[in-house]
Amino acid sequence: MRPSDIFQRIYRQDNACEHGTRSTNTARIGHDMVKNARMIGALGVAAGFLLVHAAQSAIDTADAVGIWLFDDGSGNTAVDMSGRGNDGTLVNAGWTDDAPFGMAVELNGSNACVETGEKLLDDLSDFTITAWVKPVAMTGGRIGLVGQNDSPEFGFIDTGTITLWTPNGAASISYEHAQEEWHFVAAVASPDKTAAYVDTDEATTAGSANRGSSDFTVNIGGCGIWDATGNWFSGLMDDVSIWHVALEPADLEFIMSQGLAVTLGLTPVEPRDKVATMWADIKRLQ
C-alpha cells in the first residue's frame, strides 16, 4: 500500500463517520489509524536504511590501508579493520567507552600513543586521514594526531590550529572548540589540493603530485609525528583511518555521521535484516 492510499483510507473512514454511516465502529477506525501510522513509520525507517546503504556504496573501502575503530576494549592491540593487517600497538594507552562510536583509545599526553610500525604515508599523490578527537587538558604545540615524521604529518600545530603538513604543501584550519568535546577532523591531499577539516569546515591550499617519504612509521597520538619522538596528544581518539585516495567532502560527511564501522559494512548486517523485517511487517499490516 502506498502512503497516498493510506491517507485516502483514513479520509474515507473519517468522512463516513462525519455523515453518520457508522457501520465501522470507532474502535475499528482507531485501530486502523494506529496501524496506518505504524506503516508510515516503517516505510520511513526502511527508506532511511536504504539511503544509508546507497551512500555507503560510494566509498570504495579497498582504498583504506588502516582503519582503527578502537572498539577492542582490552589488551594492547588495536586491530586494523581495513584487512591490510596494519594492527596498532597501544603504548601506555587505555580504553574508554566515552566515544562517538563504540569505544575509544585514551592517551595521557606524556608517553602514550598507538604505533603501527608501518610506512603507510610514503610516496603518495593522494591520501586521506580521518579521526575523532576529544582533547583533554591539551597544552603547548606540535601535538600529533596521525602521521609519519618527515612525510605527511597531521595534528595540532598549536591548541587552536589543526594542520596537515607534507614536504610539498600544507593546510591549516582553526580549531575553535572547547576541550573535552568530541570533534571530527580530517586531512586530504591530491595533486589538486591540500585540505584540512574540522567537522564540515574546510581549509584548502594548492595540491602536489608527490607528498614525500621518510624512514619513519605512522604513529597515532604521539611517539613522534611532527618530530622523531614525542608530540603527545592528551585526550581521547576514535575511528582513525588512512586511505590511499583523496576522499570527497560528501564521503567525509558520511564517515563523520555514520562511523567507520558502517562505512566498512560491519554493522549493516543487522540493519539489512531489519529492512527485510520491516518490509514483512509492512505487508502484514496492509
Protein backbone atom coordinates (compact mmCIF):
# COMPACT_ATOMS: atom_id res chain seq x y z
CA MET A 1 0.00 0.00 0.00
CA ARG A 2 1.34 3.42 -0.98
CA PRO A 3 1.41 6.27 1.58
CA SER A 4 -1.20 8.14 -0.54
CA ASP A 5 -3.54 5.14 -0.31
CA ILE A 6 -3.10 5.11 3.45
CA PHE A 7 -4.17 8.74 3.79
CA GLN A 8 -7.13 8.21 1.42
CA ARG A 9 -8.24 5.27 3.53
CA ILE A 10 -8.09 7.35 6.70
CA TYR A 11 -10.05 10.13 4.96
CA ARG A 12 -12.81 7.74 3.81
CA GLN A 13 -13.15 6.38 7.33
CA ASP A 14 -13.37 9.84 8.88
CA ASN A 15 -15.80 11.02 6.20
CA ALA A 16 -18.06 8.04 6.79
CA CYS A 17 -18.19 8.85 10.50
CA GLU A 18 -18.95 12.53 9.80
CA HIS A 19 -22.00 11.64 7.69
CA GLY A 20 -23.39 9.20 10.20
CA THR A 21 -22.53 5.98 8.40
CA ARG A 22 -21.05 4.34 11.42
CA SER A 23 -21.12 0.76 10.23
CA THR A 24 -17.41 0.72 11.13
CA ASN A 25 -17.20 1.46 14.81
CA THR A 26 -14.86 3.98 16.40
CA ALA A 27 -12.60 1.31 17.83
CA ARG A 28 -12.04 -0.14 14.37
CA ILE A 29 -11.17 3.28 12.95
CA GLY A 30 -8.74 3.93 15.78
CA HIS A 31 -7.13 0.55 15.24
CA ASP A 32 -6.74 1.22 11.51
CA MET A 33 -5.26 4.66 12.10
CA VAL A 34 -2.69 3.27 14.50
CA LYS A 35 -1.89 0.52 12.01
CA ASN A 36 -1.56 3.06 9.22
CA ALA A 37 0.75 5.23 11.33
CA ARG A 38 2.92 2.20 12.03
CA MET A 39 3.09 1.51 8.30
CA ILE A 40 4.17 5.07 7.55
CA GLY A 41 6.81 4.88 10.27
CA ALA A 42 8.13 1.57 8.99
CA LEU A 43 8.28 2.92 5.45
CA GLY A 44 10.24 5.94 6.63
CA VAL A 45 12.76 3.93 8.63
CA ALA A 46 13.23 1.41 5.84
CA ALA A 47 13.79 4.21 3.35
CA GLY A 48 16.35 5.70 5.72
CA PHE A 49 18.30 2.44 5.86
CA LEU A 50 18.21 2.16 2.07
CA LEU A 51 19.56 5.70 1.71
CA VAL A 52 22.38 4.95 4.15
CA HIS A 53 23.42 1.88 2.18
CA ALA A 54 23.26 3.77 -1.11
CA ALA A 55 25.63 6.42 0.31
CA GLN A 56 27.86 3.77 1.81
CA SER A 57 28.44 2.14 -1.57
CA ALA A 58 30.01 5.35 -2.92
CA ILE A 59 33.13 4.82 -0.76
CA ASP A 60 35.47 2.11 -2.02
CA THR A 61 36.85 0.57 1.17
CA ALA A 62 39.57 -1.18 -0.86
CA ASP A 63 41.37 2.19 -0.79
CA ALA A 64 41.74 2.03 3.00
CA VAL A 65 45.16 0.97 4.32
CA GLY A 66 44.45 1.42 8.01
CA ILE A 67 41.16 1.59 9.93
CA TRP A 68 41.29 1.50 13.70
CA LEU A 69 37.85 1.54 15.33
CA PHE A 70 39.36 1.24 18.83
CA ASP A 71 36.45 -0.97 19.82
CA ASP A 72 38.81 -3.72 21.01
CA GLY A 73 38.29 -2.75 24.66
CA SER A 74 41.11 -4.80 26.18
CA GLY A 75 44.72 -5.74 25.59
CA ASN A 76 47.36 -3.73 23.76
CA THR A 77 46.30 -4.33 20.15
CA ALA A 78 44.11 -2.07 18.04
CA VAL A 79 43.03 -4.29 15.16
CA ASP A 80 43.22 -2.80 11.68
CA MET A 81 39.78 -3.38 10.18
CA SER A 82 40.85 -2.45 6.64
CA GLY A 83 42.02 -6.01 6.04
CA ARG A 84 45.60 -4.87 5.39
CA GLY A 85 46.90 -6.26 8.69
CA ASN A 86 48.31 -2.96 9.96
CA ASP A 87 47.33 -3.51 13.58
CA GLY A 88 48.27 -0.82 16.07
CA THR A 89 50.08 -1.40 19.35
CA LEU A 90 48.98 0.62 22.36
CA VAL A 91 51.87 2.16 24.27
CA ASN A 92 50.86 3.33 27.77
CA ALA A 93 47.34 3.93 26.43
CA GLY A 94 43.98 2.69 27.68
CA TRP A 95 40.42 2.06 26.59
CA THR A 96 37.25 4.02 27.33
CA ASP A 97 33.57 3.81 26.39
CA ASP A 98 33.41 7.62 26.13
CA ALA A 99 33.30 7.59 22.34
CA PRO A 100 31.20 8.77 19.40
CA PHE A 101 31.13 5.16 18.13
CA GLY A 102 31.70 2.08 20.26
CA MET A 103 34.87 2.63 22.31
CA ALA A 104 37.91 4.92 22.07
CA VAL A 105 41.59 4.98 22.98
CA GLU A 106 42.71 7.17 25.90
CA LEU A 107 46.06 8.97 25.67
CA ASN A 108 47.74 10.62 28.66
CA GLY A 109 49.66 13.41 26.89
CA SER A 110 53.04 12.37 28.26
CA ASN A 111 54.10 8.93 27.00
CA ALA A 112 51.12 7.27 25.32
CA CYS A 113 50.46 6.53 21.64
CA VAL A 114 49.42 3.86 19.17
CA GLU A 115 52.24 2.57 16.97
CA THR A 116 51.55 0.94 13.60
CA GLY A 117 55.15 0.06 12.75
CA GLU A 118 54.31 0.63 9.08
CA LYS A 119 55.20 3.29 6.50
CA LEU A 120 51.65 3.99 5.34
CA LEU A 121 52.24 7.53 4.04
CA ASP A 122 55.17 7.08 1.65
CA ASP A 123 55.37 8.29 -1.97
CA LEU A 124 51.73 9.27 -2.34
CA SER A 125 49.95 11.77 -4.51
CA ASP A 126 46.54 11.11 -2.92
CA PHE A 127 45.61 10.25 0.64
CA THR A 128 43.06 10.90 3.37
CA ILE A 129 43.36 10.80 7.16
CA THR A 130 40.28 10.89 9.41
CA ALA A 131 39.81 10.80 13.17
CA TRP A 132 37.51 11.77 16.00
CA VAL A 133 39.31 13.65 18.79
CA LYS A 134 38.44 14.83 22.27
CA PRO A 135 41.27 16.96 23.69
CA VAL A 136 41.59 16.92 27.48
CA ALA A 137 43.94 19.35 29.25
CA MET A 138 45.83 19.84 26.00
CA THR A 139 48.57 22.49 26.12
CA GLY A 140 51.52 23.63 24.03
CA GLY A 141 52.11 22.98 20.35
CA ARG A 142 53.20 20.37 17.82
CA ILE A 143 50.68 17.88 19.20
CA GLY A 144 50.42 14.87 16.93
CA LEU A 145 47.26 13.10 15.84
CA VAL A 146 48.24 10.86 12.92
CA GLY A 147 51.37 10.97 10.82
CA GLN A 148 54.75 9.77 9.67
CA ASN A 149 57.56 12.13 10.67
CA ASP A 150 59.20 13.90 7.70
CA SER A 151 56.38 12.59 5.48
CA PRO A 152 52.71 13.63 5.90
CA GLU A 153 52.07 14.86 9.45
CA PHE A 154 48.67 15.80 10.87
CA GLY A 155 47.72 17.31 14.20
CA PHE A 156 47.58 20.44 16.33
CA ILE A 157 50.37 22.83 15.39
CA ASP A 158 49.04 24.73 18.41
CA THR A 159 45.93 24.25 20.56
CA GLY A 160 43.85 26.43 18.24
CA THR A 161 45.03 25.18 14.85
CA ILE A 162 44.79 21.84 13.04
CA THR A 163 47.45 21.42 10.34
CA LEU A 164 48.23 18.92 7.61
CA TRP A 165 51.92 19.22 6.66
CA THR A 166 53.63 17.43 3.79
CA PRO A 167 57.06 18.05 2.24
CA ASN A 168 55.18 19.57 -0.71
CA GLY A 169 52.30 21.57 0.66
CA ALA A 170 50.39 22.25 3.86
CA ALA A 171 46.95 23.40 5.02
CA SER A 172 45.77 24.75 8.38
CA ILE A 173 42.32 25.34 9.86
CA SER A 174 41.22 26.98 13.09
CA TYR A 175 40.10 24.70 15.90
CA GLU A 176 37.71 26.91 17.85
CA HIS A 177 36.19 24.38 20.22
CA ALA A 178 36.32 23.88 23.95
CA GLN A 179 38.34 21.00 25.24
CA GLU A 180 36.54 17.85 26.39
CA GLU A 181 34.30 17.94 23.30
CA TRP A 182 34.31 15.37 20.52
CA HIS A 183 35.01 16.68 17.00
CA PHE A 184 35.74 15.11 13.65
CA VAL A 185 39.00 16.08 11.91
CA ALA A 186 40.40 15.09 8.54
CA ALA A 187 43.22 15.73 6.10
CA VAL A 188 43.01 15.25 2.34
CA ALA A 189 45.79 15.55 -0.24
CA SER A 190 45.74 15.24 -4.02
CA PRO A 191 47.51 16.82 -6.99
CA ASP A 192 44.69 19.39 -6.96
CA LYS A 193 44.52 20.37 -3.30
CA THR A 194 45.82 20.11 0.25
CA ALA A 195 42.97 20.33 2.76
CA ALA A 196 42.32 20.22 6.50
CA TYR A 197 38.88 19.73 8.02
CA VAL A 198 37.24 20.25 11.40
CA ASP A 199 33.75 18.76 11.31
CA THR A 200 32.42 20.07 7.98
CA ASP A 201 34.62 23.19 7.85
CA GLU A 202 37.39 23.09 5.25
CA ALA A 203 40.63 24.99 4.59
CA THR A 204 42.29 24.33 1.22
CA THR A 205 45.57 25.23 -0.44
CA ALA A 206 47.29 24.13 -3.65
CA GLY A 207 47.99 20.47 -4.35
CA SER A 208 51.06 18.43 -5.28
CA ALA A 209 51.73 15.19 -7.12
CA ASN A 210 54.29 13.94 -4.57
CA ARG A 211 53.84 14.11 -0.81
CA GLY A 212 57.27 12.80 0.13
CA SER A 213 58.56 9.82 2.07
CA SER A 214 60.61 9.13 5.17
CA ASP A 215 62.33 6.44 7.19
CA PHE A 216 59.74 6.72 9.98
CA THR A 217 56.48 4.84 10.51
CA VAL A 218 52.94 6.01 11.18
CA ASN A 219 52.00 6.79 14.78
CA ILE A 220 48.73 7.87 16.35
CA GLY A 221 48.55 10.33 19.23
CA GLY A 222 52.30 10.67 19.83
CA CYS A 223 55.57 8.68 19.78
CA GLY A 224 56.76 11.03 17.04
CA ILE A 225 54.53 12.61 14.40
CA TRP A 226 55.84 16.15 13.89
CA ASP A 227 59.23 15.04 15.17
CA ALA A 228 61.16 11.81 15.64
CA THR A 229 59.74 11.38 19.15
CA GLY A 230 57.16 12.99 21.42
CA ASN A 231 54.26 15.17 20.15
CA TRP A 232 51.96 13.68 22.78
CA PHE A 233 48.20 14.18 22.49
CA SER A 234 46.23 14.45 25.73
CA GLY A 235 42.70 13.15 25.34
CA LEU A 236 40.65 10.53 23.53
CA MET A 237 40.71 9.37 19.91
CA ASP A 238 38.26 7.22 17.97
CA ASP A 239 37.62 5.93 14.44
CA VAL A 240 41.04 6.70 12.95
CA SER A 241 41.64 5.87 9.30
CA ILE A 242 44.17 6.26 6.48
CA TRP A 243 43.18 5.95 2.82
CA HIS A 244 45.28 5.96 -0.34
CA VAL A 245 42.71 8.11 -2.11
CA ALA A 246 41.53 11.70 -1.76
CA LEU A 247 38.02 11.29 -0.38
CA GLU A 248 35.37 13.81 -1.35
CA PRO A 249 33.69 16.12 1.21
CA ALA A 250 30.49 14.05 0.91
CA ASP A 251 32.50 10.91 1.79
CA LEU A 252 33.94 12.63 4.85
CA GLU A 253 30.49 13.73 5.97
CA PHE A 254 29.23 10.17 5.63
CA ILE A 255 32.14 8.80 7.69
CA MET A 256 31.61 11.55 10.27
CA SER A 257 27.87 10.93 10.64
CA GLN A 258 27.74 7.14 10.26
CA GLY A 259 31.12 5.99 11.58
CA LEU A 260 33.75 3.74 10.06
CA ALA A 261 32.03 0.51 11.08
CA VAL A 262 29.01 1.38 8.93
CA THR A 263 31.32 2.61 6.15
CA LEU A 264 33.03 -0.78 6.14
CA GLY A 265 29.71 -2.61 6.17
CA LEU A 266 30.39 -4.20 9.56
CA THR A 267 27.27 -3.01 11.37
CA PRO A 268 24.75 -3.01 8.48
CA VAL A 269 24.28 -6.79 8.70
CA GLU A 270 21.73 -6.06 11.41
CA PRO A 271 20.12 -3.09 9.63
CA ARG A 272 19.86 -5.08 6.39
CA ASP A 273 18.00 -7.77 8.32
CA LYS A 274 15.87 -5.08 9.88
CA VAL A 275 14.93 -3.72 6.45
CA ALA A 276 13.73 -7.15 5.40
CA THR A 277 11.77 -7.47 8.63
CA MET A 278 10.26 -4.02 8.12
CA TRP A 279 9.04 -4.88 4.63
CA ALA A 280 7.50 -8.07 6.03
CA ASP A 281 5.79 -6.01 8.73
CA ILE A 282 4.53 -3.54 6.15
CA LYS A 283 2.98 -6.33 4.06
CA ARG A 284 1.47 -7.87 7.19
CA LEU A 285 -0.09 -4.52 8.16
CA GLN A 286 -1.77 -3.98 4.78
